[in-house]
Amino acid sequence: MEYGLRTIENWDWVTLLLVATFIILTVTRSLYPRRFTEFLYLPLSDKYFKLQGKGYEIKHPFNALLFSVQVLSLSLFFYLFLDTTYPTTTEANPWLFVQITTGLGLFILAKFCLEKILAHILNIEVLINDYLYEKLSYTSIISLLVLVGNIVFYFAFKPSKTMLFGFSLALVVLYLMSLISSFKRNRNVILRHFSYFIMYLCALEIAPYIILYYVVLKQV
C-alpha cells in the first residue's frame, strides 16, 4: 500500500471556524443537556418530537444555536466544493466564504418567512409549523454529519470531485428521507389539506432550490 503526503494548505481560518462551531455545540449541550441528548438520537427514533411536543417554538434558543451550526457547516462544505471544482473562483475571491455564508443564511431565512406567510394565507399554519420544526431538526442533525465531513476533507485528505459529488448526493438522499418521514408523521393532517400542501411544496420546496441552482451556476 502506497502512502502520499497530504499537501498542507493555509487553513488557519477554517480551524478557527471549526473551533467556533464546536464552541456553539458545547454551549448548546451545556444549556440544554437533556434536549441535546434526545436530539442526537433523532436518526434512530422520532422520540425527540414526542418528548419535545408538537409545534415546539422554532425561535427557541436551542434551535437558533443549531441553525448557526447548520449555516456554518454547510457554507464551509460549499466553499470546499467550489474550491475543488472551480479553484480559480475561490482564488479570485478572498471573501467567497463570507458571501456564501451570508447568502445561505439569508436564503434560508427568506424561505422560512415566505413559508410562514403562505401558511397564513392558506390557513394551514398548524401543519406548516410542525413541518418546519421537524425539517429544521432533521437538517440540523444532517449538518453535524457535514461538520464531520468538513474535518475529514480539510485535514485528513484532499477529496476528489467524485467523492464530493458522492457525499453531496448522500446528503440530498438523507434530506429527502427526512422529508418523507415528516410527511408520514403528519399524513392525516396533510390529507385534509392536500391541495394546499402540494401548492406549498411546488412553490417553496422545489422552485427555490431550482432557482438557487441556476443562480449559483451563473456565478461560477
N, C-alpha and C. Protein backbone atom coordinates (compact mmCIF):
# COMPACT_ATOMS: atom_id res chain seq x y z
N MET A 1 0.84 -1.20 0.00
CA MET A 1 0.00 0.00 0.00
C MET A 1 0.88 1.25 0.00
N GLU A 2 0.62 2.15 -0.95
CA GLU A 2 1.43 3.36 -1.06
C GLU A 2 0.76 4.52 -0.35
N TYR A 3 1.58 5.29 0.31
CA TYR A 3 1.08 6.46 1.02
C TYR A 3 1.58 7.72 0.35
N GLY A 4 0.71 8.72 0.26
CA GLY A 4 1.10 10.01 -0.32
C GLY A 4 1.03 11.09 0.73
N LEU A 5 1.84 12.10 0.58
CA LEU A 5 1.85 13.20 1.52
C LEU A 5 0.65 14.09 1.28
N ARG A 6 0.00 14.48 2.33
CA ARG A 6 -1.13 15.40 2.24
C ARG A 6 -0.59 16.81 2.17
N THR A 7 -0.91 17.51 1.10
CA THR A 7 -0.45 18.88 0.95
C THR A 7 -1.13 19.77 1.98
N ILE A 8 -0.33 20.41 2.81
CA ILE A 8 -0.88 21.25 3.87
C ILE A 8 -1.08 22.66 3.34
N GLU A 9 -2.32 23.12 3.36
CA GLU A 9 -2.63 24.46 2.90
C GLU A 9 -2.88 25.35 4.11
N ASN A 10 -2.98 26.63 3.87
CA ASN A 10 -3.21 27.58 4.94
C ASN A 10 -4.70 27.58 5.29
N TRP A 11 -5.08 26.69 6.22
CA TRP A 11 -6.47 26.57 6.63
C TRP A 11 -6.65 27.14 8.03
N ASP A 12 -5.87 28.17 8.40
CA ASP A 12 -5.99 28.74 9.74
C ASP A 12 -7.40 29.24 10.01
N TRP A 13 -7.99 29.91 9.05
CA TRP A 13 -9.34 30.45 9.24
C TRP A 13 -10.37 29.33 9.35
N VAL A 14 -10.11 28.22 8.65
CA VAL A 14 -11.01 27.07 8.74
C VAL A 14 -10.93 26.46 10.14
N THR A 15 -9.71 26.36 10.67
CA THR A 15 -9.53 25.83 12.02
C THR A 15 -10.29 26.67 13.04
N LEU A 16 -10.15 27.99 12.95
CA LEU A 16 -10.85 28.90 13.86
C LEU A 16 -12.36 28.75 13.72
N LEU A 17 -12.81 28.57 12.48
CA LEU A 17 -14.24 28.43 12.24
C LEU A 17 -14.78 27.13 12.84
N LEU A 18 -14.02 26.05 12.69
CA LEU A 18 -14.44 24.78 13.26
C LEU A 18 -14.44 24.82 14.78
N VAL A 19 -13.44 25.49 15.35
CA VAL A 19 -13.39 25.65 16.81
C VAL A 19 -14.62 26.43 17.29
N ALA A 20 -14.95 27.51 16.57
CA ALA A 20 -16.13 28.30 16.93
C ALA A 20 -17.40 27.46 16.84
N THR A 21 -17.48 26.60 15.83
CA THR A 21 -18.64 25.72 15.67
C THR A 21 -18.76 24.76 16.84
N PHE A 22 -17.64 24.19 17.26
CA PHE A 22 -17.66 23.27 18.40
C PHE A 22 -17.99 24.00 19.70
N ILE A 23 -17.58 25.24 19.81
CA ILE A 23 -17.93 26.04 20.99
C ILE A 23 -19.45 26.24 21.06
N ILE A 24 -20.05 26.52 19.90
CA ILE A 24 -21.51 26.69 19.85
C ILE A 24 -22.20 25.39 20.26
N LEU A 25 -21.69 24.25 19.78
CA LEU A 25 -22.27 22.97 20.16
C LEU A 25 -22.10 22.70 21.65
N THR A 26 -20.95 23.08 22.19
CA THR A 26 -20.69 22.88 23.61
C THR A 26 -21.63 23.73 24.46
N VAL A 27 -21.83 24.97 24.04
CA VAL A 27 -22.76 25.86 24.75
C VAL A 27 -24.18 25.30 24.70
N THR A 28 -24.56 24.81 23.53
CA THR A 28 -25.89 24.22 23.36
C THR A 28 -26.07 23.01 24.28
N ARG A 29 -25.04 22.18 24.32
CA ARG A 29 -25.09 20.98 25.18
C ARG A 29 -25.14 21.35 26.66
N SER A 30 -24.46 22.42 27.04
CA SER A 30 -24.44 22.84 28.44
C SER A 30 -25.77 23.46 28.86
N LEU A 31 -26.38 24.24 27.98
CA LEU A 31 -27.62 24.92 28.32
C LEU A 31 -28.84 23.99 28.27
N TYR A 32 -28.81 23.03 27.33
CA TYR A 32 -29.95 22.13 27.15
C TYR A 32 -29.46 20.68 27.05
N PRO A 33 -28.92 20.13 28.15
CA PRO A 33 -28.31 18.79 28.10
C PRO A 33 -29.29 17.67 27.71
N ARG A 34 -30.49 17.69 28.31
CA ARG A 34 -31.45 16.62 28.03
C ARG A 34 -31.93 16.70 26.59
N ARG A 35 -32.29 17.89 26.19
CA ARG A 35 -32.81 18.04 24.83
C ARG A 35 -31.74 17.73 23.79
N PHE A 36 -30.50 18.11 24.06
CA PHE A 36 -29.42 17.85 23.12
C PHE A 36 -29.20 16.34 22.96
N THR A 37 -29.27 15.62 24.07
CA THR A 37 -29.11 14.16 24.02
C THR A 37 -30.23 13.52 23.21
N GLU A 38 -31.47 13.98 23.43
CA GLU A 38 -32.61 13.47 22.67
C GLU A 38 -32.44 13.79 21.18
N PHE A 39 -31.92 14.96 20.90
CA PHE A 39 -31.71 15.39 19.53
C PHE A 39 -30.74 14.47 18.79
N LEU A 40 -29.68 14.03 19.47
CA LEU A 40 -28.67 13.17 18.84
C LEU A 40 -29.23 11.81 18.47
N TYR A 41 -30.31 11.40 19.14
CA TYR A 41 -30.92 10.10 18.84
C TYR A 41 -31.98 10.21 17.74
N LEU A 42 -32.13 11.39 17.17
CA LEU A 42 -33.16 11.62 16.15
C LEU A 42 -33.04 10.68 14.94
N PRO A 43 -31.81 10.36 14.45
CA PRO A 43 -31.73 9.44 13.30
C PRO A 43 -32.25 8.04 13.61
N LEU A 44 -32.30 7.67 14.88
CA LEU A 44 -32.72 6.33 15.26
C LEU A 44 -34.18 6.25 15.65
N SER A 45 -34.72 7.37 16.11
CA SER A 45 -36.10 7.35 16.60
C SER A 45 -36.70 8.75 16.53
N ASP A 46 -38.03 8.82 16.41
CA ASP A 46 -38.71 10.11 16.41
C ASP A 46 -39.18 10.48 17.82
N LYS A 47 -38.60 9.82 18.82
CA LYS A 47 -38.94 10.08 20.21
C LYS A 47 -38.68 11.55 20.57
N TYR A 48 -37.72 12.15 19.90
CA TYR A 48 -37.38 13.55 20.14
C TYR A 48 -38.59 14.45 19.95
N PHE A 49 -39.35 14.23 18.89
CA PHE A 49 -40.53 15.06 18.62
C PHE A 49 -41.63 14.79 19.64
N LYS A 50 -41.77 13.56 20.06
CA LYS A 50 -42.80 13.22 21.03
C LYS A 50 -42.51 13.81 22.40
N LEU A 51 -41.24 13.79 22.78
CA LEU A 51 -40.87 14.32 24.09
C LEU A 51 -40.92 15.84 24.12
N GLN A 52 -40.50 16.46 23.02
CA GLN A 52 -40.49 17.92 22.99
C GLN A 52 -41.86 18.50 22.70
N GLY A 53 -42.71 17.70 22.10
CA GLY A 53 -44.07 18.17 21.84
C GLY A 53 -44.20 18.78 20.46
N LYS A 54 -45.38 18.69 19.92
CA LYS A 54 -45.66 19.25 18.61
C LYS A 54 -45.59 20.78 18.64
N GLY A 55 -45.12 21.33 17.54
CA GLY A 55 -45.14 22.77 17.42
C GLY A 55 -44.20 23.50 18.35
N TYR A 56 -43.15 22.84 18.81
CA TYR A 56 -42.18 23.50 19.67
C TYR A 56 -41.62 24.71 18.95
N GLU A 57 -41.49 25.82 19.67
CA GLU A 57 -41.13 27.07 19.02
C GLU A 57 -39.84 26.98 18.23
N ILE A 58 -39.93 27.34 16.95
CA ILE A 58 -38.75 27.32 16.09
C ILE A 58 -37.76 28.38 16.52
N LYS A 59 -38.26 29.48 17.09
CA LYS A 59 -37.39 30.58 17.51
C LYS A 59 -36.72 30.32 18.86
N HIS A 60 -36.91 29.15 19.41
CA HIS A 60 -36.28 28.80 20.69
C HIS A 60 -34.75 28.88 20.55
N PRO A 61 -34.03 29.35 21.59
CA PRO A 61 -32.56 29.47 21.51
C PRO A 61 -31.85 28.19 21.10
N PHE A 62 -32.38 27.04 21.51
CA PHE A 62 -31.78 25.76 21.13
C PHE A 62 -31.76 25.62 19.61
N ASN A 63 -32.88 25.93 18.96
CA ASN A 63 -32.96 25.84 17.51
C ASN A 63 -32.10 26.90 16.83
N ALA A 64 -32.03 28.08 17.44
CA ALA A 64 -31.21 29.17 16.88
C ALA A 64 -29.74 28.80 16.89
N LEU A 65 -29.28 28.18 17.98
CA LEU A 65 -27.88 27.77 18.08
C LEU A 65 -27.56 26.68 17.05
N LEU A 66 -28.46 25.71 16.91
CA LEU A 66 -28.24 24.65 15.92
C LEU A 66 -28.32 25.19 14.50
N PHE A 67 -29.15 26.20 14.30
CA PHE A 67 -29.24 26.82 12.98
C PHE A 67 -27.91 27.46 12.60
N SER A 68 -27.25 28.11 13.55
CA SER A 68 -25.95 28.74 13.26
C SER A 68 -24.91 27.68 12.91
N VAL A 69 -24.95 26.53 13.60
CA VAL A 69 -24.05 25.42 13.28
C VAL A 69 -24.34 24.91 11.87
N GLN A 70 -25.62 24.82 11.55
CA GLN A 70 -26.04 24.36 10.23
C GLN A 70 -25.51 25.26 9.12
N VAL A 71 -25.66 26.56 9.28
CA VAL A 71 -25.23 27.51 8.25
C VAL A 71 -23.71 27.47 8.10
N LEU A 72 -22.97 27.46 9.21
CA LEU A 72 -21.51 27.43 9.14
C LEU A 72 -21.00 26.15 8.50
N SER A 73 -21.57 25.01 8.88
CA SER A 73 -21.11 23.72 8.35
C SER A 73 -21.39 23.61 6.86
N LEU A 74 -22.60 23.96 6.44
CA LEU A 74 -22.96 23.87 5.03
C LEU A 74 -22.17 24.86 4.19
N SER A 75 -21.96 26.06 4.71
CA SER A 75 -21.19 27.07 3.97
C SER A 75 -19.76 26.61 3.76
N LEU A 76 -19.18 26.00 4.79
CA LEU A 76 -17.81 25.52 4.68
C LEU A 76 -17.71 24.39 3.66
N PHE A 77 -18.72 23.54 3.62
CA PHE A 77 -18.72 22.45 2.63
C PHE A 77 -18.90 23.00 1.22
N PHE A 78 -19.79 23.97 1.05
CA PHE A 78 -19.98 24.58 -0.26
C PHE A 78 -18.69 25.24 -0.75
N TYR A 79 -17.99 25.88 0.19
CA TYR A 79 -16.73 26.52 -0.17
C TYR A 79 -15.72 25.46 -0.64
N LEU A 80 -15.63 24.36 0.09
CA LEU A 80 -14.72 23.28 -0.30
C LEU A 80 -15.11 22.71 -1.66
N PHE A 81 -16.41 22.57 -1.88
CA PHE A 81 -16.91 22.04 -3.15
C PHE A 81 -16.48 22.95 -4.31
N LEU A 82 -16.64 24.26 -4.13
CA LEU A 82 -16.24 25.21 -5.17
C LEU A 82 -14.72 25.25 -5.32
N ASP A 83 -14.01 25.14 -4.21
CA ASP A 83 -12.55 25.18 -4.26
C ASP A 83 -11.99 23.97 -5.01
N THR A 84 -12.72 22.86 -4.97
CA THR A 84 -12.28 21.65 -5.65
C THR A 84 -12.71 21.62 -7.11
N THR A 85 -13.93 22.08 -7.37
CA THR A 85 -14.46 22.02 -8.74
C THR A 85 -14.14 23.26 -9.57
N TYR A 86 -14.09 24.43 -8.90
CA TYR A 86 -13.78 25.69 -9.59
C TYR A 86 -12.71 26.46 -8.80
N PRO A 87 -11.48 25.95 -8.76
CA PRO A 87 -10.42 26.57 -7.94
C PRO A 87 -10.13 28.03 -8.30
N THR A 88 -10.28 28.39 -9.56
CA THR A 88 -10.00 29.77 -9.96
C THR A 88 -11.00 30.74 -9.31
N THR A 89 -12.22 30.27 -9.06
CA THR A 89 -13.24 31.11 -8.45
C THR A 89 -12.86 31.47 -7.02
N THR A 90 -12.40 30.49 -6.26
CA THR A 90 -12.03 30.74 -4.86
C THR A 90 -10.74 31.55 -4.77
N GLU A 91 -9.84 31.34 -5.70
CA GLU A 91 -8.59 32.10 -5.69
C GLU A 91 -8.82 33.57 -6.02
N ALA A 92 -9.78 33.83 -6.89
CA ALA A 92 -10.04 35.21 -7.32
C ALA A 92 -10.88 36.00 -6.33
N ASN A 93 -11.52 35.31 -5.40
CA ASN A 93 -12.42 35.99 -4.46
C ASN A 93 -12.09 35.58 -3.02
N PRO A 94 -11.30 36.37 -2.30
CA PRO A 94 -10.93 36.04 -0.92
C PRO A 94 -12.10 36.11 0.06
N TRP A 95 -13.19 36.78 -0.34
CA TRP A 95 -14.36 36.90 0.53
C TRP A 95 -15.47 35.93 0.15
N LEU A 96 -15.13 34.91 -0.59
CA LEU A 96 -16.16 33.99 -1.09
C LEU A 96 -16.89 33.28 0.05
N PHE A 97 -16.14 32.84 1.06
CA PHE A 97 -16.81 32.12 2.15
C PHE A 97 -17.81 33.02 2.88
N VAL A 98 -17.42 34.27 3.10
CA VAL A 98 -18.34 35.22 3.76
C VAL A 98 -19.59 35.41 2.91
N GLN A 99 -19.41 35.50 1.60
CA GLN A 99 -20.54 35.67 0.69
C GLN A 99 -21.45 34.44 0.71
N ILE A 100 -20.83 33.25 0.73
CA ILE A 100 -21.61 32.01 0.78
C ILE A 100 -22.42 31.95 2.06
N THR A 101 -21.77 32.24 3.20
CA THR A 101 -22.44 32.19 4.49
C THR A 101 -23.60 33.18 4.56
N THR A 102 -23.34 34.40 4.11
CA THR A 102 -24.38 35.42 4.11
C THR A 102 -25.54 35.04 3.19
N GLY A 103 -25.19 34.60 1.99
CA GLY A 103 -26.22 34.22 1.03
C GLY A 103 -27.06 33.05 1.50
N LEU A 104 -26.39 32.03 2.06
CA LEU A 104 -27.12 30.85 2.54
C LEU A 104 -28.02 31.20 3.70
N GLY A 105 -27.50 31.98 4.65
CA GLY A 105 -28.30 32.37 5.80
C GLY A 105 -29.53 33.17 5.39
N LEU A 106 -29.34 34.13 4.48
CA LEU A 106 -30.45 34.95 4.01
C LEU A 106 -31.46 34.12 3.21
N PHE A 107 -30.94 33.18 2.42
CA PHE A 107 -31.81 32.31 1.63
C PHE A 107 -32.72 31.48 2.54
N ILE A 108 -32.14 30.88 3.57
CA ILE A 108 -32.93 30.04 4.48
C ILE A 108 -33.95 30.88 5.24
N LEU A 109 -33.52 32.05 5.73
CA LEU A 109 -34.42 32.91 6.50
C LEU A 109 -35.54 33.46 5.62
N ALA A 110 -35.20 33.86 4.39
CA ALA A 110 -36.21 34.38 3.48
C ALA A 110 -37.23 33.29 3.12
N LYS A 111 -36.72 32.08 2.89
CA LYS A 111 -37.59 30.95 2.58
C LYS A 111 -38.52 30.65 3.76
N PHE A 112 -37.97 30.73 4.96
CA PHE A 112 -38.77 30.48 6.17
C PHE A 112 -39.89 31.52 6.29
N CYS A 113 -39.57 32.79 6.07
CA CYS A 113 -40.57 33.85 6.15
C CYS A 113 -41.66 33.66 5.11
N LEU A 114 -41.29 33.30 3.90
CA LEU A 114 -42.27 33.06 2.84
C LEU A 114 -43.17 31.87 3.19
N GLU A 115 -42.57 30.84 3.79
CA GLU A 115 -43.35 29.67 4.19
C GLU A 115 -44.39 30.05 5.24
N LYS A 116 -43.98 30.89 6.19
CA LYS A 116 -44.90 31.31 7.23
C LYS A 116 -46.02 32.16 6.64
N ILE A 117 -45.68 33.05 5.70
CA ILE A 117 -46.69 33.91 5.07
C ILE A 117 -47.68 33.08 4.26
N LEU A 118 -47.14 32.13 3.46
CA LEU A 118 -48.01 31.29 2.64
C LEU A 118 -48.90 30.42 3.53
N ALA A 119 -48.36 29.92 4.62
CA ALA A 119 -49.15 29.10 5.54
C ALA A 119 -50.31 29.91 6.13
N HIS A 120 -50.03 31.18 6.43
CA HIS A 120 -51.09 32.05 6.97
C HIS A 120 -52.16 32.31 5.92
N ILE A 121 -51.74 32.56 4.67
CA ILE A 121 -52.69 32.82 3.60
C ILE A 121 -53.58 31.60 3.33
N LEU A 122 -52.96 30.42 3.34
CA LEU A 122 -53.70 29.18 3.05
C LEU A 122 -54.38 28.59 4.29
N ASN A 123 -54.16 29.25 5.44
CA ASN A 123 -54.77 28.80 6.69
C ASN A 123 -54.33 27.38 7.07
N ILE A 124 -53.06 27.10 6.88
CA ILE A 124 -52.51 25.80 7.29
C ILE A 124 -51.30 26.01 8.20
N GLU A 125 -51.41 27.00 9.09
CA GLU A 125 -50.29 27.35 9.95
C GLU A 125 -49.89 26.22 10.89
N VAL A 126 -50.87 25.50 11.44
CA VAL A 126 -50.55 24.41 12.38
C VAL A 126 -49.73 23.34 11.67
N LEU A 127 -50.17 22.97 10.48
CA LEU A 127 -49.47 21.95 9.71
C LEU A 127 -48.06 22.41 9.36
N ILE A 128 -47.91 23.62 8.85
CA ILE A 128 -46.61 24.11 8.41
C ILE A 128 -45.67 24.33 9.59
N ASN A 129 -46.19 24.79 10.73
CA ASN A 129 -45.34 24.98 11.90
C ASN A 129 -44.71 23.67 12.35
N ASP A 130 -45.52 22.61 12.41
CA ASP A 130 -44.99 21.29 12.78
C ASP A 130 -43.97 20.82 11.76
N TYR A 131 -44.31 21.00 10.49
CA TYR A 131 -43.43 20.56 9.41
C TYR A 131 -42.11 21.31 9.43
N LEU A 132 -42.15 22.65 9.62
CA LEU A 132 -40.93 23.45 9.65
C LEU A 132 -40.05 23.07 10.83
N TYR A 133 -40.67 22.82 11.97
CA TYR A 133 -39.91 22.43 13.15
C TYR A 133 -39.20 21.09 12.93
N GLU A 134 -39.91 20.14 12.35
CA GLU A 134 -39.33 18.83 12.09
C GLU A 134 -38.22 18.93 11.04
N LYS A 135 -38.47 19.73 10.00
CA LYS A 135 -37.47 19.90 8.94
C LYS A 135 -36.21 20.55 9.49
N LEU A 136 -36.37 21.56 10.34
CA LEU A 136 -35.22 22.22 10.95
C LEU A 136 -34.42 21.24 11.80
N SER A 137 -35.11 20.38 12.52
CA SER A 137 -34.43 19.39 13.37
C SER A 137 -33.64 18.40 12.52
N TYR A 138 -34.25 17.94 11.43
CA TYR A 138 -33.56 16.98 10.56
C TYR A 138 -32.35 17.62 9.86
N THR A 139 -32.52 18.83 9.36
CA THR A 139 -31.40 19.48 8.68
C THR A 139 -30.27 19.80 9.66
N SER A 140 -30.62 20.05 10.91
CA SER A 140 -29.59 20.31 11.93
C SER A 140 -28.78 19.05 12.22
N ILE A 141 -29.44 17.90 12.27
CA ILE A 141 -28.71 16.66 12.53
C ILE A 141 -27.86 16.29 11.31
N ILE A 142 -28.36 16.58 10.10
CA ILE A 142 -27.57 16.33 8.89
C ILE A 142 -26.35 17.24 8.86
N SER A 143 -26.50 18.46 9.36
CA SER A 143 -25.37 19.40 9.37
C SER A 143 -24.23 18.91 10.27
N LEU A 144 -24.55 18.11 11.28
CA LEU A 144 -23.49 17.53 12.12
C LEU A 144 -22.67 16.53 11.31
N LEU A 145 -23.33 15.80 10.43
CA LEU A 145 -22.61 14.90 9.53
C LEU A 145 -21.73 15.70 8.57
N VAL A 146 -22.24 16.82 8.09
CA VAL A 146 -21.45 17.71 7.23
C VAL A 146 -20.24 18.23 7.99
N LEU A 147 -20.42 18.56 9.26
CA LEU A 147 -19.32 19.05 10.09
C LEU A 147 -18.20 18.01 10.18
N VAL A 148 -18.58 16.76 10.38
CA VAL A 148 -17.58 15.69 10.43
C VAL A 148 -16.89 15.55 9.07
N GLY A 149 -17.68 15.63 8.00
CA GLY A 149 -17.10 15.55 6.66
C GLY A 149 -16.12 16.68 6.40
N ASN A 150 -16.44 17.88 6.87
CA ASN A 150 -15.53 19.02 6.70
C ASN A 150 -14.19 18.77 7.38
N ILE A 151 -14.23 18.23 8.58
CA ILE A 151 -12.99 17.96 9.31
C ILE A 151 -12.13 16.96 8.55
N VAL A 152 -12.77 15.91 8.04
CA VAL A 152 -12.03 14.88 7.30
C VAL A 152 -11.48 15.45 6.00
N PHE A 153 -12.31 16.16 5.25
CA PHE A 153 -11.90 16.66 3.94
C PHE A 153 -10.85 17.76 4.02
N TYR A 154 -10.90 18.57 5.06
CA TYR A 154 -9.94 19.67 5.16
C TYR A 154 -8.61 19.25 5.77
N PHE A 155 -8.63 18.26 6.68
CA PHE A 155 -7.42 17.97 7.43
C PHE A 155 -6.89 16.54 7.29
N ALA A 156 -7.73 15.60 6.84
CA ALA A 156 -7.26 14.22 6.70
C ALA A 156 -6.73 13.94 5.31
N PHE A 157 -7.51 14.22 4.30
CA PHE A 157 -7.07 14.01 2.92
C PHE A 157 -7.87 14.91 1.99
N LYS A 158 -7.26 15.24 0.87
CA LYS A 158 -7.92 16.10 -0.12
C LYS A 158 -8.91 15.28 -0.92
N PRO A 159 -10.18 15.64 -0.89
CA PRO A 159 -11.19 14.86 -1.60
C PRO A 159 -11.17 15.13 -3.10
N SER A 160 -11.60 14.14 -3.86
CA SER A 160 -11.72 14.31 -5.31
C SER A 160 -13.11 14.86 -5.62
N LYS A 161 -13.30 15.28 -6.86
CA LYS A 161 -14.60 15.79 -7.28
C LYS A 161 -15.66 14.70 -7.14
N THR A 162 -15.29 13.47 -7.51
CA THR A 162 -16.24 12.36 -7.43
C THR A 162 -16.67 12.11 -5.99
N MET A 163 -15.71 12.20 -5.08
CA MET A 163 -16.01 11.98 -3.66
C MET A 163 -16.96 13.06 -3.12
N LEU A 164 -16.72 14.30 -3.51
CA LEU A 164 -17.58 15.39 -3.05
C LEU A 164 -18.98 15.29 -3.65
N PHE A 165 -19.05 14.90 -4.93
CA PHE A 165 -20.35 14.69 -5.55
C PHE A 165 -21.10 13.56 -4.85
N GLY A 166 -20.39 12.48 -4.52
CA GLY A 166 -21.00 11.35 -3.83
C GLY A 166 -21.49 11.73 -2.44
N PHE A 167 -20.69 12.51 -1.72
CA PHE A 167 -21.07 12.97 -0.38
C PHE A 167 -22.29 13.90 -0.48
N SER A 168 -22.30 14.77 -1.48
CA SER A 168 -23.42 15.69 -1.68
C SER A 168 -24.70 14.90 -1.99
N LEU A 169 -24.57 13.88 -2.83
CA LEU A 169 -25.72 13.06 -3.18
C LEU A 169 -26.27 12.34 -1.95
N ALA A 170 -25.37 11.86 -1.09
CA ALA A 170 -25.79 11.20 0.14
C ALA A 170 -26.56 12.17 1.04
N LEU A 171 -26.10 13.41 1.10
CA LEU A 171 -26.79 14.42 1.91
C LEU A 171 -28.18 14.71 1.37
N VAL A 172 -28.30 14.78 0.04
CA VAL A 172 -29.60 15.03 -0.59
C VAL A 172 -30.55 13.87 -0.30
N VAL A 173 -30.04 12.64 -0.37
CA VAL A 173 -30.87 11.46 -0.09
C VAL A 173 -31.34 11.49 1.36
N LEU A 174 -30.45 11.82 2.28
CA LEU A 174 -30.83 11.91 3.69
C LEU A 174 -31.89 12.99 3.91
N TYR A 175 -31.73 14.11 3.21
CA TYR A 175 -32.70 15.19 3.34
C TYR A 175 -34.07 14.75 2.82
N LEU A 176 -34.10 14.08 1.68
CA LEU A 176 -35.36 13.60 1.12
C LEU A 176 -36.00 12.56 2.04
N MET A 177 -35.18 11.70 2.63
CA MET A 177 -35.70 10.71 3.58
C MET A 177 -36.32 11.39 4.79
N SER A 178 -35.70 12.47 5.24
CA SER A 178 -36.24 13.19 6.39
C SER A 178 -37.58 13.83 6.05
N LEU A 179 -37.70 14.37 4.83
CA LEU A 179 -38.96 14.95 4.40
C LEU A 179 -40.07 13.90 4.33
N ILE A 180 -39.73 12.75 3.77
CA ILE A 180 -40.70 11.66 3.68
C ILE A 180 -41.15 11.22 5.07
N SER A 181 -40.19 11.13 5.99
CA SER A 181 -40.52 10.76 7.37
C SER A 181 -41.47 11.77 7.99
N SER A 182 -41.21 13.05 7.74
CA SER A 182 -42.08 14.09 8.27
C SER A 182 -43.47 14.03 7.64
N PHE A 183 -43.52 13.77 6.33
CA PHE A 183 -44.81 13.66 5.65
C PHE A 183 -45.63 12.50 6.22
N LYS A 184 -44.97 11.38 6.46
CA LYS A 184 -45.66 10.21 7.01
C LYS A 184 -46.19 10.50 8.42
N ARG A 185 -45.40 11.22 9.19
CA ARG A 185 -45.80 11.53 10.56
C ARG A 185 -47.01 12.45 10.59
N ASN A 186 -47.13 13.31 9.57
CA ASN A 186 -48.24 14.27 9.53
C ASN A 186 -49.23 13.96 8.42
N ARG A 187 -49.28 12.71 7.98
CA ARG A 187 -50.07 12.37 6.80
C ARG A 187 -51.57 12.67 6.99
N ASN A 188 -52.09 12.47 8.18
CA ASN A 188 -53.53 12.71 8.39
C ASN A 188 -53.88 14.18 8.17
N VAL A 189 -53.03 15.06 8.70
CA VAL A 189 -53.28 16.49 8.54
C VAL A 189 -53.05 16.90 7.09
N ILE A 190 -52.00 16.33 6.46
CA ILE A 190 -51.69 16.66 5.07
C ILE A 190 -52.84 16.28 4.14
N LEU A 191 -53.42 15.11 4.38
CA LEU A 191 -54.52 14.65 3.52
C LEU A 191 -55.73 15.57 3.60
N ARG A 192 -55.92 16.20 4.75
CA ARG A 192 -57.06 17.11 4.90
C ARG A 192 -56.83 18.43 4.15
N HIS A 193 -55.56 18.75 3.91
CA HIS A 193 -55.22 19.98 3.19
C HIS A 193 -54.31 19.64 2.00
N PHE A 194 -54.63 18.56 1.32
CA PHE A 194 -53.71 18.01 0.32
C PHE A 194 -53.40 19.00 -0.80
N SER A 195 -54.43 19.64 -1.36
CA SER A 195 -54.21 20.55 -2.49
C SER A 195 -53.34 21.74 -2.07
N TYR A 196 -53.57 22.27 -0.87
CA TYR A 196 -52.77 23.38 -0.38
C TYR A 196 -51.33 22.95 -0.14
N PHE A 197 -51.17 21.75 0.37
CA PHE A 197 -49.83 21.27 0.69
C PHE A 197 -49.02 21.04 -0.59
N ILE A 198 -49.66 20.52 -1.64
CA ILE A 198 -48.99 20.35 -2.92
C ILE A 198 -48.56 21.69 -3.48
N MET A 199 -49.43 22.69 -3.33
CA MET A 199 -49.11 24.04 -3.77
C MET A 199 -47.89 24.58 -3.00
N TYR A 200 -47.88 24.31 -1.72
CA TYR A 200 -46.76 24.74 -0.88
C TYR A 200 -45.46 24.07 -1.31
N LEU A 201 -45.50 22.77 -1.57
CA LEU A 201 -44.30 22.03 -1.97
C LEU A 201 -43.72 22.57 -3.28
N CYS A 202 -44.59 22.79 -4.24
CA CYS A 202 -44.11 23.28 -5.53
C CYS A 202 -43.53 24.68 -5.42
N ALA A 203 -44.20 25.53 -4.63
CA ALA A 203 -43.79 26.93 -4.55
C ALA A 203 -42.56 27.15 -3.67
N LEU A 204 -42.43 26.37 -2.57
CA LEU A 204 -41.39 26.68 -1.58
C LEU A 204 -40.46 25.52 -1.23
N GLU A 205 -40.68 24.35 -1.81
CA GLU A 205 -39.75 23.25 -1.56
C GLU A 205 -39.01 22.80 -2.82
N ILE A 206 -39.54 23.16 -3.97
CA ILE A 206 -38.92 22.74 -5.22
C ILE A 206 -38.38 23.95 -6.00
N ALA A 207 -39.25 24.92 -6.26
CA ALA A 207 -38.87 26.08 -7.06
C ALA A 207 -37.67 26.86 -6.51
N PRO A 208 -37.59 27.14 -5.18
CA PRO A 208 -36.45 27.93 -4.68
C PRO A 208 -35.11 27.28 -4.92
N TYR A 209 -35.05 25.94 -4.80
CA TYR A 209 -33.77 25.25 -4.99
C TYR A 209 -33.37 25.22 -6.47
N ILE A 210 -34.36 25.15 -7.35
CA ILE A 210 -34.06 25.20 -8.78
C ILE A 210 -33.50 26.57 -9.15
N ILE A 211 -34.15 27.62 -8.63
CA ILE A 211 -33.68 28.98 -8.87
C ILE A 211 -32.29 29.18 -8.31
N LEU A 212 -32.06 28.71 -7.08
CA LEU A 212 -30.75 28.84 -6.44
C LEU A 212 -29.67 28.14 -7.24
N TYR A 213 -29.99 26.97 -7.77
CA TYR A 213 -29.03 26.19 -8.56
C TYR A 213 -28.57 26.99 -9.77
N TYR A 214 -29.51 27.58 -10.49
CA TYR A 214 -29.15 28.32 -11.70
C TYR A 214 -28.44 29.63 -11.38
N VAL A 215 -28.79 30.25 -10.26
CA VAL A 215 -28.11 31.48 -9.85
C VAL A 215 -26.65 31.20 -9.52
N VAL A 216 -26.42 30.12 -8.73
CA VAL A 216 -25.03 29.75 -8.36
C VAL A 216 -24.26 29.33 -9.59
N LEU A 217 -24.90 28.59 -10.50
CA LEU A 217 -24.22 28.12 -11.71
C LEU A 217 -23.74 29.28 -12.56
N LYS A 218 -24.53 30.34 -12.62
CA LYS A 218 -24.13 31.50 -13.41
C LYS A 218 -22.95 32.26 -12.77
N GLN A 219 -22.89 32.20 -11.43
CA GLN A 219 -21.84 32.93 -10.72
C GLN A 219 -20.47 32.28 -10.89
N VAL A 220 -20.46 30.94 -11.06
CA VAL A 220 -19.18 30.24 -11.18
C VAL A 220 -18.85 29.95 -12.65
